[in-house]
Amino acid sequence: MSPESERAKKLAQSIPLGRLGKSTDVARAVSFFSSPDADFITGQTLYVCGGASIGSISI
């Protein structure tokens, strides 16, 4: 999907951060979890989604 397409723009608007994810977003998460800074973190699930996983919750 082209980032300039209407579909991509509409999808980006539905994400709390207001943009589509990039490969660098995922790469930074992978880099952190493979670094010594994350040596005490185990068994976690990380959603690299710009808040989309919680964006549909209405309070």
C-alpha atoms as a PDB file:
ATOM      1  CA  MET A   1       0.000   0.000   0.000  1.00  0.00           C
ATOM      2  CA  SER A   2       1.392   3.366  -0.970  1.00  0.00           C
ATOM      3  CA  PRO A   3       1.747   5.723   2.015  1.00  0.00           C
ATOM      4  CA  GLU A   4       0.140   8.451  -0.087  1.00  0.00           C
ATOM      5  CA  SER A   5      -2.973   6.414  -0.901  1.00  0.00           C
ATOM      6  CA  GLU A   6      -6.338   7.352   0.580  1.00  0.00           C
ATOM      7  CA  ARG A   7      -6.491   3.969   2.299  1.00  0.00           C
ATOM      8  CA  ALA A   8      -3.140   4.550   4.032  1.00  0.00           C
ATOM      9  CA  LYS A   9      -4.146   8.054   5.112  1.00  0.00           C
ATOM     10  CA  LYS A  10      -7.414   6.784   6.556  1.00  0.00           C
ATOM     11  CA  LEU A  11      -5.636   3.955   8.375  1.00  0.00           C
ATOM     12  CA  ALA A  12      -3.067   6.401   9.807  1.00  0.00           C
ATOM     13  CA  GLN A  13      -5.875   8.573  11.155  1.00  0.00           C
ATOM     14  CA  SER A  14      -7.235   5.591  13.098  1.00  0.00           C
ATOM     15  CA  ILE A  15      -3.902   5.065  14.901  1.00  0.00           C
ATOM     16  CA  PRO A  16      -3.465   7.144  18.080  1.00  0.00           C
ATOM     17  CA  LEU A  17       0.004   8.354  17.021  1.00  0.00           C
ATOM     18  CA  GLY A  18      -1.483   9.439  13.685  1.00  0.00           C
ATOM     19  CA  ARG A  19       0.916   7.649  11.357  1.00  0.00           C
ATOM     20  CA  LEU A  20       1.704   4.253   9.906  1.00  0.00           C
ATOM     21  CA  GLY A  21       4.562   2.296  11.396  1.00  0.00           C
ATOM     22  CA  LYS A  22       7.973   2.068   9.784  1.00  0.00           C
ATOM     23  CA  SER A  23      10.471  -0.768   9.759  1.00  0.00           C
ATOM     24  CA  THR A  24      12.712   1.388  11.973  1.00  0.00           C
ATOM     25  CA  ASP A  25      10.001   1.394  14.660  1.00  0.00           C
ATOM     26  CA  VAL A  26      10.230  -2.390  14.877  1.00  0.00           C
ATOM     27  CA  ALA A  27      14.026  -2.347  14.557  1.00  0.00           C
ATOM     28  CA  ARG A  28      14.369  -0.053  17.586  1.00  0.00           C
ATOM     29  CA  ALA A  29      12.226  -2.405  19.693  1.00  0.00           C
ATOM     30  CA  VAL A  30      14.273  -5.423  18.578  1.00  0.00           C
ATOM     31  CA  SER A  31      17.484  -3.509  19.261  1.00  0.00           C
ATOM     32  CA  PHE A  32      16.361  -2.683  22.810  1.00  0.00           C
ATOM     33  CA  PHE A  33      15.272  -6.231  23.639  1.00  0.00           C
ATOM     34  CA  SER A  34      18.566  -7.607  22.357  1.00  0.00           C
ATOM     35  CA  SER A  35      20.636  -5.085  24.314  1.00  0.00           C
ATOM     36  CA  PRO A  36      22.119  -5.522  27.795  1.00  0.00           C
ATOM     37  CA  ASP A  37      19.616  -2.889  29.019  1.00  0.00           C
ATOM     38  CA  ALA A  38      16.870  -5.512  28.702  1.00  0.00           C
ATOM     39  CA  ASP A  39      18.715  -8.305  30.527  1.00  0.00           C
ATOM     40  CA  PHE A  40      16.048  -8.635  33.253  1.00  0.00           C
ATOM     41  CA  ILE A  41      13.041  -8.568  30.912  1.00  0.00           C
ATOM     42  CA  THR A  42      11.641 -12.024  30.122  1.00  0.00           C
ATOM     43  CA  GLY A  43       8.517 -13.440  28.535  1.00  0.00           C
ATOM     44  CA  GLN A  44       6.974 -10.166  27.396  1.00  0.00           C
ATOM     45  CA  THR A  45       4.808  -9.323  24.417  1.00  0.00           C
ATOM     46  CA  LEU A  46       5.449  -5.919  22.895  1.00  0.00           C
ATOM     47  CA  TYR A  47       3.037  -4.418  20.404  1.00  0.00           C
ATOM     48  CA  VAL A  48       4.847  -1.981  18.129  1.00  0.00           C
ATOM     49  CA  CYS A  49       1.624  -0.470  16.827  1.00  0.00           C
ATOM     50  CA  GLY A  50       1.505   3.247  17.636  1.00  0.00           C
ATOM     51  CA  GLY A  51      -1.285   2.613  20.110  1.00  0.00           C
ATOM     52  CA  ALA A  52      -3.568   0.849  17.618  1.00  0.00           C
ATOM     53  CA  SER A  53      -4.009  -2.078  20.005  1.00  0.00           C
ATOM     54  CA  ILE A  54      -5.662   0.228  22.560  1.00  0.00           C
ATOM     55  CA  GLY A  55      -7.014   2.905  20.233  1.00  0.00           C
ATOM     56  CA  SER A  56     -10.417   1.293  19.796  1.00  0.00           C
ATOM     57  CA  ILE A  57     -11.249   1.239  23.495  1.00  0.00           C
ATOM     58  CA  SER A  58     -13.928   3.762  24.368  1.00  0.00           C
ATOM     59  CA  ILE A  59     -14.059   4.993  27.921  1.00  0.00           C
END
